PDB file of N, CA and C in Angstrom:
ATOM      1  N   MET A   1      22.428 -19.781  -6.755  1.00  0.00           N
ATOM      2  CA  MET A   1      22.648 -20.197  -5.450  1.00  0.00           C
ATOM      3  C   MET A   1      21.272 -20.018  -4.673  1.00  0.00           C
ATOM      4  N   VAL A   2      21.161 -20.644  -3.445  1.00  0.00           N
ATOM      5  CA  VAL A   2      20.257 -20.867  -2.573  1.00  0.00           C
ATOM      6  C   VAL A   2      20.864 -20.963  -1.112  1.00  0.00           C
ATOM      7  N   ILE A   3      20.563 -20.092  -0.067  1.00  0.00           N
ATOM      8  CA  ILE A   3      21.265 -20.562   1.069  1.00  0.00           C
ATOM      9  C   ILE A   3      20.510 -21.566   1.700  1.00  0.00           C
ATOM     10  N   LEU A   4      20.647 -22.526   2.437  1.00  0.00           N
ATOM     11  CA  LEU A   4      20.247 -23.303   3.408  1.00  0.00           C
ATOM     12  C   LEU A   4      20.291 -22.830   4.704  1.00  0.00           C
ATOM     13  N   ASP A   5      19.180 -22.618   5.160  1.00  0.00           N
ATOM     14  CA  ASP A   5      19.191 -22.600   7.051  1.00  0.00           C
ATOM     15  C   ASP A   5      19.607 -23.810   7.766  1.00  0.00           C
ATOM     16  N   SER A   6      19.990 -23.451   8.744  1.00  0.00           N
ATOM     17  CA  SER A   6      20.533 -24.674   9.480  1.00  0.00           C
ATOM     18  C   SER A   6      18.904 -25.773   9.754  1.00  0.00           C
ATOM     19  N   SER A   7      18.106 -25.205  10.077  1.00  0.00           N
ATOM     20  CA  SER A   7      17.054 -25.787  10.324  1.00  0.00           C
ATOM     21  C   SER A   7      16.750 -26.868   9.127  1.00  0.00           C
ATOM     22  N   VAL A   8      16.982 -26.327   7.973  1.00  0.00           N
ATOM     23  CA  VAL A   8      16.425 -27.161   6.787  1.00  0.00           C
ATOM     24  C   VAL A   8      17.263 -28.505   6.759  1.00  0.00           C
ATOM     25  N   ILE A   9      18.695 -28.155   6.928  1.00  0.00           N
ATOM     26  CA  ILE A   9      19.875 -29.155   6.621  1.00  0.00           C
ATOM     27  C   ILE A   9      19.687 -30.236   7.809  1.00  0.00           C
ATOM     28  N   ILE A  10      19.527 -29.792   9.030  1.00  0.00           N
ATOM     29  CA  ILE A  10      19.279 -30.871  10.095  1.00  0.00           C
ATOM     30  C   ILE A  10      17.700 -31.423   9.976  1.00  0.00           C
ATOM     31  N   ASN A  11      16.626 -30.952   9.584  1.00  0.00           N
ATOM     32  CA  ASN A  11      15.764 -31.650   9.313  1.00  0.00           C
ATOM     33  C   ASN A  11      15.827 -32.770   7.836  1.00  0.00           C
ATOM     34  N   TYR A  12      16.812 -32.183   7.106  1.00  0.00           N
ATOM     35  CA  TYR A  12      16.708 -33.260   5.977  1.00  0.00           C
ATOM     36  C   TYR A  12      17.687 -34.198   6.223  1.00  0.00           C
ATOM     37  N   LEU A  13      18.657 -33.921   7.200  1.00  0.00           N
ATOM     38  CA  LEU A  13      19.621 -34.954   7.448  1.00  0.00           C
ATOM     39  C   LEU A  13      18.542 -36.108   8.562  1.00  0.00           C
ATOM     40  N   HIS A  14      17.558 -35.767   9.153  1.00  0.00           N
ATOM     41  CA  HIS A  14      16.751 -36.535   9.893  1.00  0.00           C
ATOM     42  C   HIS A  14      15.729 -37.183   8.839  1.00  0.00           C
ATOM     43  N   GLY A  15      15.573 -36.817   7.731  1.00  0.00           N
ATOM     44  CA  GLY A  15      14.557 -37.362   6.653  1.00  0.00           C
ATOM     45  C   GLY A  15      13.456 -36.708   6.980  1.00  0.00           C
ATOM     46  N   GLU A  16      13.355 -35.644   7.398  1.00  0.00           N
ATOM     47  CA  GLU A  16      11.958 -34.709   7.534  1.00  0.00           C
ATOM     48  C   GLU A  16      11.467 -34.695   5.988  1.00  0.00           C
ATOM     49  N   LYS A  17       9.900 -35.038   5.872  1.00  0.00           N
ATOM     50  CA  LYS A  17       9.644 -35.212   4.403  1.00  0.00           C
ATOM     51  C   LYS A  17       9.767 -33.575   3.799  1.00  0.00           C
ATOM     52  N   ARG A  18       9.162 -32.784   4.643  1.00  0.00           N
ATOM     53  CA  ARG A  18       9.034 -31.537   3.703  1.00  0.00           C
ATOM     54  C   ARG A  18      10.523 -30.360   3.408  1.00  0.00           C
ATOM     55  N   SER A  19      11.504 -30.993   4.538  1.00  0.00           N
ATOM     56  CA  SER A  19      12.498 -30.591   4.135  1.00  0.00           C
ATOM     57  C   SER A  19      13.293 -31.250   2.738  1.00  0.00           C
ATOM     58  N   VAL A  20      12.961 -32.401   3.090  1.00  0.00           N
ATOM     59  CA  VAL A  20      14.077 -33.470   1.751  1.00  0.00           C
ATOM     60  C   VAL A  20      13.103 -33.110   0.578  1.00  0.00           C
ATOM     61  N   ASP A  21      12.023 -32.811   0.407  1.00  0.00           N
ATOM     62  CA  ASP A  21      11.522 -32.392  -0.662  1.00  0.00           C
ATOM     63  C   ASP A  21      11.749 -30.705  -1.228  1.00  0.00           C
ATOM     64  N   ALA A  22      12.004 -29.881   0.065  1.00  0.00           N
ATOM     65  CA  ALA A  22      12.136 -28.804  -0.588  1.00  0.00           C
ATOM     66  C   ALA A  22      13.712 -28.725  -0.892  1.00  0.00           C
ATOM     67  N   ILE A  23      14.808 -29.679  -0.482  1.00  0.00           N
ATOM     68  CA  ILE A  23      15.868 -29.290  -1.065  1.00  0.00           C
ATOM     69  C   ILE A  23      15.752 -30.184  -1.974  1.00  0.00           C
ATOM     70  N   ASN A  24      15.424 -31.167  -2.365  1.00  0.00           N
ATOM     71  CA  ASN A  24      15.318 -32.000  -3.757  1.00  0.00           C
ATOM     72  C   ASN A  24      14.799 -31.187  -4.674  1.00  0.00           C
ATOM     73  N   SER A  25      13.975 -30.126  -4.497  1.00  0.00           N
ATOM     74  CA  SER A  25      13.415 -29.239  -5.584  1.00  0.00           C
ATOM     75  C   SER A  25      14.357 -28.313  -6.244  1.00  0.00           C
ATOM     76  N   TYR A  26      15.510 -28.220  -5.806  1.00  0.00           N
ATOM     77  CA  TYR A  26      16.489 -26.974  -5.761  1.00  0.00           C
ATOM     78  C   TYR A  26      17.751 -27.875  -6.540  1.00  0.00           C
ATOM     79  N   MET A  27      17.648 -29.508  -6.244  1.00  0.00           N
ATOM     80  CA  MET A  27      18.796 -30.036  -6.559  1.00  0.00           C
ATOM     81  C   MET A  27      19.052 -30.129  -8.187  1.00  0.00           C
ATOM     82  N   GLY A  28      20.567 -29.699  -8.822  1.00  0.00           N
ATOM     83  CA  GLY A  28      20.282 -29.737 -10.290  1.00  0.00           C
ATOM     84  C   GLY A  28      20.142 -28.220 -10.627  1.00  0.00           C
ATOM     85  N   LYS A  29      19.279 -27.484 -10.043  1.00  0.00           N
ATOM     86  CA  LYS A  29      19.190 -26.261 -10.175  1.00  0.00           C
ATOM     87  C   LYS A  29      19.737 -25.075  -9.726  1.00  0.00           C
ATOM     88  N   GLU A  30      20.370 -25.535  -8.599  1.00  0.00           N
ATOM     89  CA  GLU A  30      21.079 -24.354  -7.799  1.00  0.00           C
ATOM     90  C   GLU A  30      22.082 -24.761  -7.102  1.00  0.00           C
ATOM     91  N   ARG A  31      23.117 -24.165  -6.790  1.00  0.00           N
ATOM     92  CA  ARG A  31      24.251 -24.414  -5.806  1.00  0.00           C
ATOM     93  C   ARG A  31      23.964 -23.943  -4.504  1.00  0.00           C
ATOM     94  N   PHE A  32      24.177 -24.912  -3.506  1.00  0.00           N
ATOM     95  CA  PHE A  32      23.793 -24.587  -2.198  1.00  0.00           C
ATOM     96  C   PHE A  32      24.771 -23.910  -1.504  1.00  0.00           C
ATOM     97  N   SER A  33      24.070 -22.809  -0.630  1.00  0.00           N
ATOM     98  CA  SER A  33      25.068 -22.263   0.633  1.00  0.00           C
ATOM     99  C   SER A  33      24.672 -22.339   1.700  1.00  0.00           C
ATOM    100  N   ILE A  34      25.481 -21.786   2.513  1.00  0.00           N
ATOM    101  CA  ILE A  34      25.117 -21.559   3.861  1.00  0.00           C
ATOM    102  C   ILE A  34      25.627 -20.346   4.132  1.00  0.00           C
ATOM    103  N   THR A  35      25.790 -19.650   5.330  1.00  0.00           N
ATOM    104  CA  THR A  35      26.655 -18.685   6.089  1.00  0.00           C
ATOM    105  C   THR A  35      27.047 -19.118   6.818  1.00  0.00           C
ATOM    106  N   CYS A  36      28.409 -18.473   7.392  1.00  0.00           N
ATOM    107  CA  CYS A  36      29.051 -19.012   8.575  1.00  0.00           C
ATOM    108  C   CYS A  36      28.732 -19.320  10.086  1.00  0.00           C
ATOM    109  N   ILE A  37      27.640 -18.471   9.959  1.00  0.00           N
ATOM    110  CA  ILE A  37      26.660 -18.458  11.262  1.00  0.00           C
ATOM    111  C   ILE A  37      25.569 -19.972  11.344  1.00  0.00           C
ATOM    112  N   ASN A  38      25.439 -20.437  10.188  1.00  0.00           N
ATOM    113  CA  ASN A  38      25.118 -21.615   9.946  1.00  0.00           C
ATOM    114  C   ASN A  38      26.212 -22.737  10.235  1.00  0.00           C
ATOM    115  N   GLU A  39      26.934 -22.713   9.508  1.00  0.00           N
ATOM    116  CA  GLU A  39      28.074 -23.593   9.975  1.00  0.00           C
ATOM    117  C   GLU A  39      28.695 -23.753  11.233  1.00  0.00           C
ATOM    118  N   TYR A  40      28.492 -22.691  11.809  1.00  0.00           N
ATOM    119  CA  TYR A  40      28.877 -22.584  13.550  1.00  0.00           C
ATOM    120  C   TYR A  40      28.000 -23.062  14.033  1.00  0.00           C
ATOM    121  N   GLU A  41      26.354 -23.068  14.007  1.00  0.00           N
ATOM    122  CA  GLU A  41      25.484 -23.640  14.436  1.00  0.00           C
ATOM    123  C   GLU A  41      25.227 -25.200  14.264  1.00  0.00           C
ATOM    124  N   LEU A  42      25.329 -25.947  12.876  1.00  0.00           N
ATOM    125  CA  LEU A  42      25.813 -26.913  12.697  1.00  0.00           C
ATOM    126  C   LEU A  42      26.796 -27.704  13.374  1.00  0.00           C
ATOM    127  N   TYR A  43      28.132 -27.204  13.143  1.00  0.00           N
ATOM    128  CA  TYR A  43      29.162 -27.986  13.873  1.00  0.00           C
ATOM    129  C   TYR A  43      28.970 -27.871  15.058  1.00  0.00           C
ATOM    130  N   ARG A  44      28.511 -27.140  15.808  1.00  0.00           N
ATOM    131  CA  ARG A  44      28.103 -27.062  17.730  1.00  0.00           C
ATOM    132  C   ARG A  44      27.537 -28.281  17.928  1.00  0.00           C
ATOM    133  N   GLY A  45      26.410 -28.591  17.087  1.00  0.00           N
ATOM    134  CA  GLY A  45      25.694 -29.673  17.624  1.00  0.00           C
ATOM    135  C   GLY A  45      25.903 -31.048  17.164  1.00  0.00           C
ATOM    136  N   ALA A  46      27.169 -31.152  16.262  1.00  0.00           N
ATOM    137  CA  ALA A  46      27.594 -32.392  15.621  1.00  0.00           C
ATOM    138  C   ALA A  46      28.897 -33.087  16.409  1.00  0.00           C
ATOM    139  N   GLU A  47      28.808 -34.188  16.831  1.00  0.00           N
ATOM    140  CA  GLU A  47      30.055 -35.054  17.321  1.00  0.00           C
ATOM    141  C   GLU A  47      29.798 -35.882  16.617  1.00  0.00           C
ATOM    142  N   GLY A  48      31.364 -36.629  16.691  1.00  0.00           N
ATOM    143  CA  GLY A  48      32.066 -37.949  16.004  1.00  0.00           C
ATOM    144  C   GLY A  48      31.622 -38.038  14.727  1.00  0.00           C
ATOM    145  N   LYS A  49      30.925 -39.243  14.092  1.00  0.00           N
ATOM    146  CA  LYS A  49      30.432 -39.612  12.659  1.00  0.00           C
ATOM    147  C   LYS A  49      29.579 -38.471  11.800  1.00  0.00           C
ATOM    148  N   ALA A  50      28.860 -38.246  13.036  1.00  0.00           N
ATOM    149  CA  ALA A  50      28.001 -37.122  12.436  1.00  0.00           C
ATOM    150  C   ALA A  50      28.649 -35.789  12.010  1.00  0.00           C
ATOM    151  N   GLU A  51      29.543 -35.338  12.783  1.00  0.00           N
ATOM    152  CA  GLU A  51      30.855 -34.057  12.435  1.00  0.00           C
ATOM    153  C   GLU A  51      31.437 -34.464  11.372  1.00  0.00           C
ATOM    154  N   GLU A  52      31.861 -35.401  11.079  1.00  0.00           N
ATOM    155  CA  GLU A  52      32.618 -36.363   9.862  1.00  0.00           C
ATOM    156  C   GLU A  52      31.458 -36.022   8.599  1.00  0.00           C
ATOM    157  N   LEU A  53      30.554 -36.480   8.736  1.00  0.00           N
ATOM    158  CA  LEU A  53      29.449 -36.606   7.541  1.00  0.00           C
ATOM    159  C   LEU A  53      28.903 -34.841   7.178  1.00  0.00           C
ATOM    160  N   LEU A  54      28.797 -34.143   8.387  1.00  0.00           N
ATOM    161  CA  LEU A  54      28.810 -32.650   8.019  1.00  0.00           C
ATOM    162  C   LEU A  54      29.793 -32.002   7.578  1.00  0.00           C
ATOM    163  N   GLY A  55      30.793 -32.419   7.526  1.00  0.00           N
ATOM    164  CA  GLY A  55      32.333 -31.871   6.844  1.00  0.00           C
ATOM    165  C   GLY A  55      31.939 -32.655   5.339  1.00  0.00           C
ATOM    166  N   VAL A  56      31.761 -33.623   5.246  1.00  0.00           N
ATOM    167  CA  VAL A  56      31.807 -33.707   3.623  1.00  0.00           C
ATOM    168  C   VAL A  56      30.806 -33.239   2.996  1.00  0.00           C
ATOM    169  N   LEU A  57      29.569 -33.124   3.769  1.00  0.00           N
ATOM    170  CA  LEU A  57      28.355 -32.380   3.124  1.00  0.00           C
ATOM    171  C   LEU A  57      28.447 -31.193   2.830  1.00  0.00           C
ATOM    172  N   LEU A  58      29.103 -30.090   3.890  1.00  0.00           N
ATOM    173  CA  LEU A  58      29.659 -28.919   3.807  1.00  0.00           C
ATOM    174  C   LEU A  58      30.672 -28.532   2.666  1.00  0.00           C
ATOM    175  N   ASP A  59      31.702 -29.548   2.528  1.00  0.00           N
ATOM    176  CA  ASP A  59      32.579 -29.086   1.456  1.00  0.00           C
ATOM    177  C   ASP A  59      32.073 -28.983   0.097  1.00  0.00           C
ATOM    178  N   SER A  60      31.165 -29.179  -0.086  1.00  0.00           N
ATOM    179  CA  SER A  60      30.392 -28.954  -1.347  1.00  0.00           C
ATOM    180  C   SER A  60      29.260 -27.740  -1.712  1.00  0.00           C
ATOM    181  N   PHE A  61      29.492 -27.167  -0.324  1.00  0.00           N
ATOM    182  CA  PHE A  61      28.529 -25.797  -0.273  1.00  0.00           C
ATOM    183  C   PHE A  61      29.646 -24.504  -0.283  1.00  0.00           C
ATOM    184  N   ASN A  62      28.752 -23.185  -0.824  1.00  0.00           N
ATOM    185  CA  ASN A  62      29.358 -22.400  -0.779  1.00  0.00           C
ATOM    186  C   ASN A  62      29.361 -21.733   0.619  1.00  0.00           C
ATOM    187  N   ILE A  63      30.231 -21.086   1.318  1.00  0.00           N
ATOM    188  CA  ILE A  63      30.092 -20.477   2.557  1.00  0.00           C
ATOM    189  C   ILE A  63      29.889 -18.865   2.450  1.00  0.00           C
ATOM    190  N   TYR A  64      29.158 -17.886   2.836  1.00  0.00           N
ATOM    191  CA  TYR A  64      29.126 -16.739   2.762  1.00  0.00           C
ATOM    192  C   TYR A  64      29.441 -16.195   4.185  1.00  0.00           C
ATOM    193  N   TYR A  65      30.392 -15.363   4.365  1.00  0.00           N
ATOM    194  CA  TYR A  65      30.854 -14.497   5.437  1.00  0.00           C
ATOM    195  C   TYR A  65      30.143 -13.410   5.980  1.00  0.00           C
ATOM    196  N   MET A  66      30.482 -12.872   7.025  1.00  0.00           N
ATOM    197  CA  MET A  66      29.885 -11.625   7.352  1.00  0.00           C
ATOM    198  C   MET A  66      30.907 -10.376   6.599  1.00  0.00           C
ATOM    199  N   ASP A  67      30.436  -9.510   6.148  1.00  0.00           N
ATOM    200  CA  ASP A  67      31.278  -8.194   5.646  1.00  0.00           C
ATOM    201  C   ASP A  67      30.775  -6.572   5.987  1.00  0.00           C
ATOM    202  N   ALA A  68      31.268  -5.917   5.571  1.00  0.00           N
ATOM    203  CA  ALA A  68      30.562  -4.435   6.255  1.00  0.00           C
ATOM    204  C   ALA A  68      29.229  -4.518   5.462  1.00  0.00           C
ATOM    205  N   LYS A  69      28.833  -4.847   4.481  1.00  0.00           N
ATOM    206  CA  LYS A  69      27.550  -4.635   3.872  1.00  0.00           C
ATOM    207  C   LYS A  69      26.602  -5.482   4.795  1.00  0.00           C
ATOM    208  N   SER A  70      26.630  -6.925   5.169  1.00  0.00           N
ATOM    209  CA  SER A  70      25.874  -7.583   5.796  1.00  0.00           C
ATOM    210  C   SER A  70      26.169  -6.930   7.314  1.00  0.00           C
ATOM    211  N   THR A  71      26.765  -6.275   7.856  1.00  0.00           N
ATOM    212  CA  THR A  71      26.907  -5.728   8.994  1.00  0.00           C
ATOM    213  C   THR A  71      26.047  -4.592   9.091  1.00  0.00           C
ATOM    214  N   ALA A  72      25.676  -4.183   8.213  1.00  0.00           N
ATOM    215  CA  ALA A  72      25.101  -2.723   8.074  1.00  0.00           C
ATOM    216  C   ALA A  72      23.409  -3.217   8.242  1.00  0.00           C
ATOM    217  N   ILE A  73      23.476  -4.286   7.024  1.00  0.00           N
ATOM    218  CA  ILE A  73      21.987  -4.695   6.795  1.00  0.00           C
ATOM    219  C   ILE A  73      21.238  -5.097   8.408  1.00  0.00           C
ATOM    220  N   ALA A  74      22.140  -6.008   8.678  1.00  0.00           N
ATOM    221  CA  ALA A  74      21.961  -6.727  10.162  1.00  0.00           C
ATOM    222  C   ALA A  74      21.617  -5.495  11.226  1.00  0.00           C
ATOM    223  N   VAL A  75      22.253  -4.416  11.365  1.00  0.00           N
ATOM    224  CA  VAL A  75      21.977  -3.526  12.135  1.00  0.00           C
ATOM    225  C   VAL A  75      21.011  -2.577  11.685  1.00  0.00           C
ATOM    226  N   GLU A  76      20.430  -2.519  10.503  1.00  0.00           N
ATOM    227  CA  GLU A  76      19.095  -2.017  10.274  1.00  0.00           C
ATOM    228  C   GLU A  76      17.862  -2.972  10.349  1.00  0.00           C
ATOM    229  N   LEU A  77      17.881  -4.551   9.868  1.00  0.00           N
ATOM    230  CA  LEU A  77      16.893  -5.209  10.385  1.00  0.00           C
ATOM    231  C   LEU A  77      17.030  -5.105  12.118  1.00  0.00           C
ATOM    232  N   TYR A  78      18.004  -5.350  12.510  1.00  0.00           N
ATOM    233  CA  TYR A  78      17.397  -5.030  14.304  1.00  0.00           C
ATOM    234  C   TYR A  78      16.827  -4.103  14.522  1.00  0.00           C
ATOM    235  N   LYS A  79      17.534  -2.820  14.275  1.00  0.00           N
ATOM    236  CA  LYS A  79      16.728  -1.542  14.390  1.00  0.00           C
ATOM    237  C   LYS A  79      14.751  -1.493  14.145  1.00  0.00           C
ATOM    238  N   LYS A  80      14.900  -1.859  12.796  1.00  0.00           N
ATOM    239  CA  LYS A  80      13.442  -2.022  12.325  1.00  0.00           C
ATOM    240  C   LYS A  80      12.541  -2.906  13.538  1.00  0.00           C
ATOM    241  N   LEU A  81      13.046  -4.069  13.529  1.00  0.00           N
ATOM    242  CA  LEU A  81      12.355  -5.030  14.540  1.00  0.00           C
ATOM    243  C   LEU A  81      12.342  -4.450  15.829  1.00  0.00           C
ATOM    244  N   ARG A  82      13.164  -3.812  16.430  1.00  0.00           N
ATOM    245  CA  ARG A  82      13.057  -3.015  17.575  1.00  0.00           C
ATOM    246  C   ARG A  82      11.950  -2.103  17.595  1.00  0.00           C
ATOM    247  N   LYS A  83      11.897  -1.028  16.644  1.00  0.00           N
ATOM    248  CA  LYS A  83      10.937  -0.126  16.424  1.00  0.00           C
ATOM    249  C   LYS A  83       9.631  -0.664  16.327  1.00  0.00           C
ATOM    250  N   ARG A  84       9.314  -2.167  15.901  1.00  0.00           N
ATOM    251  CA  ARG A  84       7.911  -2.676  16.117  1.00  0.00           C
ATOM    252  C   ARG A  84       7.801  -3.213  16.910  1.00  0.00           C
ATOM    253  N   LYS A  85       8.520  -3.444  18.062  1.00  0.00           N
ATOM    254  CA  LYS A  85       8.468  -3.668  19.151  1.00  0.00           C
ATOM    255  C   LYS A  85       9.101  -5.282  18.985  1.00  0.00           C
ATOM    256  N   GLY A  86       9.656  -5.583  18.207  1.00  0.00           N
ATOM    257  CA  GLY A  86       9.651  -7.198  17.965  1.00  0.00           C
ATOM    258  C   GLY A  86      11.152  -7.426  18.304  1.00  0.00           C
ATOM    259  N   THR A  87      11.555  -8.750  18.473  1.00  0.00           N
ATOM    260  CA  THR A  87      12.548  -9.290  18.711  1.00  0.00           C
ATOM    261  C   THR A  87      12.957 -10.459  17.888  1.00  0.00           C
ATOM    262  N   ALA A  88      14.221 -10.710  17.743  1.00  0.00           N
ATOM    263  CA  ALA A  88      14.708 -11.875  16.943  1.00  0.00           C
ATOM    264  C   ALA A  88      15.779 -12.252  17.514  1.00  0.00           C
ATOM    265  N   ASP A  89      16.304 -13.467  17.159  1.00  0.00           N
ATOM    266  CA  ASP A  89      17.302 -14.053  17.466  1.00  0.00           C
ATOM    267  C   ASP A  89      18.881 -13.654  16.987  1.00  0.00           C
ATOM    268  N   ASP A  90      19.863 -13.061  17.421  1.00  0.00           N
ATOM    269  CA  ASP A  90      20.588 -12.678  16.999  1.00  0.00           C
ATOM    270  C   ASP A  90      21.322 -13.545  15.867  1.00  0.00           C
ATOM    271  N   ALA A  91      21.333 -14.467  15.604  1.00  0.00           N
ATOM    272  CA  ALA A  91      21.911 -15.382  14.840  1.00  0.00           C
ATOM    273  C   ALA A  91      20.874 -15.635  13.396  1.00  0.00           C
ATOM    274  N   ASP A  92      19.866 -15.379  13.844  1.00  0.00           N
ATOM    275  CA  ASP A  92      18.895 -15.165  12.935  1.00  0.00           C
ATOM    276  C   ASP A  92      19.122 -14.116  12.029  1.00  0.00           C
ATOM    277  N   ILE A  93      19.128 -12.553  12.923  1.00  0.00           N
ATOM    278  CA  ILE A  93      19.382 -11.770  12.062  1.00  0.00           C
ATOM    279  C   ILE A  93      20.806 -11.452  10.999  1.00  0.00           C
ATOM    280  N   LEU A  94      21.847 -12.304  11.672  1.00  0.00           N
ATOM    281  CA  LEU A  94      22.965 -12.144  11.145  1.00  0.00           C
ATOM    282  C   LEU A  94      22.828 -13.203   9.915  1.00  0.00           C
ATOM    283  N   ILE A  95      22.136 -14.124   9.861  1.00  0.00           N
ATOM    284  CA  ILE A  95      21.642 -15.055   8.438  1.00  0.00           C
ATOM    285  C   ILE A  95      21.017 -14.137   7.388  1.00  0.00           C
ATOM    286  N   ALA A  96      20.016 -13.817   7.953  1.00  0.00           N
ATOM    287  CA  ALA A  96      19.337 -12.768   6.891  1.00  0.00           C
ATOM    288  C   ALA A  96      20.210 -12.365   6.382  1.00  0.00           C
ATOM    289  N   ALA A  97      20.809 -11.054   6.744  1.00  0.00           N
ATOM    290  CA  ALA A  97      21.497  -9.958   6.742  1.00  0.00           C
ATOM    291  C   ALA A  97      22.472 -10.616   5.552  1.00  0.00           C
ATOM    292  N   ILE A  98      23.327 -11.718   5.818  1.00  0.00           N
ATOM    293  CA  ILE A  98      24.021 -12.192   4.520  1.00  0.00           C
ATOM    294  C   ILE A  98      23.460 -12.853   3.689  1.00  0.00           C
ATOM    295  N   ALA A  99      22.351 -13.279   3.826  1.00  0.00           N
ATOM    296  CA  ALA A  99      21.387 -13.702   2.617  1.00  0.00           C
ATOM    297  C   ALA A  99      21.115 -12.154   1.726  1.00  0.00           C
ATOM    298  N   MET A 100      20.431 -11.490   2.652  1.00  0.00           N
ATOM    299  CA  MET A 100      20.364 -10.076   1.866  1.00  0.00           C
ATOM    300  C   MET A 100      21.591  -9.567   1.080  1.00  0.00           C
ATOM    301  N   ALA A 101      22.259  -9.441   1.660  1.00  0.00           N
ATOM    302  CA  ALA A 101      23.719  -8.670   1.184  1.00  0.00           C
ATOM    303  C   ALA A 101      24.280  -9.714  -0.146  1.00  0.00           C
ATOM    304  N   ASN A 102      24.051 -11.036  -0.050  1.00  0.00           N
ATOM    305  CA  ASN A 102      25.027 -11.164  -1.160  1.00  0.00           C
ATOM    306  C   ASN A 102      23.170 -11.763  -2.301  1.00  0.00           C
ATOM    307  N   GLY A 103      21.996 -11.368  -2.162  1.00  0.00           N
ATOM    308  CA  GLY A 103      21.127 -11.188  -3.143  1.00  0.00           C
ATOM    309  C   GLY A 103      20.397 -12.837  -3.002  1.00  0.00           C
ATOM    310  N   GLU A 104      20.456 -13.481  -2.130  1.00  0.00           N
ATOM    311  CA  GLU A 104      20.385 -14.806  -2.179  1.00  0.00           C
ATOM    312  C   GLU A 104      18.751 -15.353  -1.327  1.00  0.00           C
ATOM    313  N   ALA A 105      18.179 -15.874  -1.728  1.00  0.00           N
ATOM    314  CA  ALA A 105      16.927 -16.510  -1.248  1.00  0.00           C
ATOM    315  C   ALA A 105      17.274 -17.367   0.328  1.00  0.00           C
ATOM    316  N   LEU A 106      16.636 -17.310   1.163  1.00  0.00           N
ATOM    317  CA  LEU A 106      16.755 -18.133   2.635  1.00  0.00           C
ATOM    318  C   LEU A 106      15.891 -19.488   2.381  1.00  0.00           C
ATOM    319  N   VAL A 107      16.242 -20.693   2.287  1.00  0.00           N
ATOM    320  CA  VAL A 107      15.264 -21.682   2.320  1.00  0.00           C
ATOM    321  C   VAL A 107      15.477 -21.875   4.044  1.00  0.00           C
ATOM    322  N   THR A 108      14.617 -21.700   4.805  1.00  0.00           N
ATOM    323  CA  THR A 108      14.545 -21.954   6.103  1.00  0.00           C
ATOM    324  C   THR A 108      12.847 -23.062   6.761  1.00  0.00           C
ATOM    325  N   SER A 109      13.257 -23.539   7.871  1.00  0.00           N
ATOM    326  CA  SER A 109      11.808 -23.980   8.356  1.00  0.00           C
ATOM    327  C   SER A 109      11.142 -23.052   9.831  1.00  0.00           C
ATOM    328  N   ASP A 110      12.277 -22.156  10.122  1.00  0.00           N
ATOM    329  CA  ASP A 110      12.128 -21.210  11.134  1.00  0.00           C
ATOM    330  C   ASP A 110      10.976 -20.145  10.459  1.00  0.00           C
ATOM    331  N   ARG A 111       9.944 -19.922  11.153  1.00  0.00           N
ATOM    332  CA  ARG A 111       9.156 -18.817  10.802  1.00  0.00           C
ATOM    333  C   ARG A 111       9.261 -17.542  11.243  1.00  0.00           C
ATOM    334  N   ASP A 112      10.545 -17.593  12.029  1.00  0.00           N
ATOM    335  CA  ASP A 112      10.949 -16.355  12.582  1.00  0.00           C
ATOM    336  C   ASP A 112      11.533 -15.259  11.319  1.00  0.00           C
ATOM    337  N   PHE A 113      11.866 -15.912  10.240  1.00  0.00           N
ATOM    338  CA  PHE A 113      12.381 -15.088   9.117  1.00  0.00           C
ATOM    339  C   PHE A 113      11.501 -14.419   8.446  1.00  0.00           C
ATOM    340  N   GLU A 114       9.986 -14.984   8.552  1.00  0.00           N
ATOM    341  CA  GLU A 114       9.272 -14.037   8.072  1.00  0.00           C
ATOM    342  C   GLU A 114       8.997 -12.680   8.647  1.00  0.00           C
ATOM    343  N   ARG A 115       9.291 -12.859   9.602  1.00  0.00           N
ATOM    344  CA  ARG A 115       9.122 -11.065  10.334  1.00  0.00           C
ATOM    345  C   ARG A 115      10.681 -10.473   9.660  1.00  0.00           C
ATOM    346  N   ILE A 116      11.854 -11.371   9.971  1.00  0.00           N
ATOM    347  CA  ILE A 116      12.886 -10.477   9.994  1.00  0.00           C
ATOM    348  C   ILE A 116      13.071 -10.477   8.291  1.00  0.00           C
ATOM    349  N   MET A 117      12.769 -11.140   7.198  1.00  0.00           N
ATOM    350  CA  MET A 117      13.231 -10.995   5.895  1.00  0.00           C
ATOM    351  C   MET A 117      11.865 -11.368   4.997  1.00  0.00           C
ATOM    352  N   PRO A 118      10.718 -10.757   5.062  1.00  0.00           N
ATOM    353  CA  PRO A 118       9.572 -11.400   4.888  1.00  0.00           C
ATOM    354  C   PRO A 118       9.610 -11.467   3.368  1.00  0.00           C
ATOM    355  N   SER A 119      10.305 -10.941   2.386  1.00  0.00           N
ATOM    356  CA  SER A 119      10.218 -11.003   0.973  1.00  0.00           C
ATOM    357  C   SER A 119      11.398 -12.071   0.422  1.00  0.00           C
ATOM    358  N   GLY A 120      12.278 -12.333   1.395  1.00  0.00           N
ATOM    359  CA  GLY A 120      13.582 -13.087   0.900  1.00  0.00           C
ATOM    360  C   GLY A 120      13.610 -14.483   1.476  1.00  0.00           C
ATOM    361  N   ALA A 121      12.581 -14.925   2.081  1.00  0.00           N
ATOM    362  CA  ALA A 121      12.800 -16.350   3.150  1.00  0.00           C
ATOM    363  C   ALA A 121      11.907 -17.142   2.365  1.00  0.00           C
ATOM    364  N   LYS A 122      12.108 -18.369   2.098  1.00  0.00           N
ATOM    365  CA  LYS A 122      11.093 -19.363   1.499  1.00  0.00           C
ATOM    366  C   LYS A 122      10.801 -20.302   2.587  1.00  0.00           C
ATOM    367  N   ILE A 123       9.759 -20.294   3.492  1.00  0.00           N
ATOM    368  CA  ILE A 123       9.605 -21.115   4.240  1.00  0.00           C
ATOM    369  C   ILE A 123       9.261 -22.527   4.304  1.00  0.00           C
ATOM    370  N   VAL A 124       9.712 -23.307   4.425  1.00  0.00           N
ATOM    371  CA  VAL A 124       9.405 -24.902   4.209  1.00  0.00           C
ATOM    372  C   VAL A 124       8.218 -25.279   5.315  1.00  0.00           C
ATOM    373  N   LYS A 125       6.980 -25.301   4.928  1.00  0.00           N
ATOM    374  CA  LYS A 125       6.263 -25.795   5.553  1.00  0.00           C
ATOM    375  C   LYS A 125       5.557 -27.026   5.730  1.00  0.00           C
TER     376      LYS A 125
END
């Protein structure tokens, strides 16, 4: 499985070529997943018909939730970033931690993940 970040799913739904190509490269090879954080991000921005379509799409995805392991990893990531005088959005740290706790790669177009999880993020450029 591979975890798709909100940015890639949104860009895919808008027909953005790089995201479409990235998702298509995994089609048939991987089952798609998201985190509960991505689920929240996606639904908070969807209304009406878009929300219905999103629900149909996400019904086929595996959804990872926060647990003790991902929480511990999130705290570690946050402290490492703070020590390097860096910051990151809490939602991104939580998404990265859930991916890492479950041994999954994260496909994203958000370059912040290069700092948060340098070896586990596949950046769609």
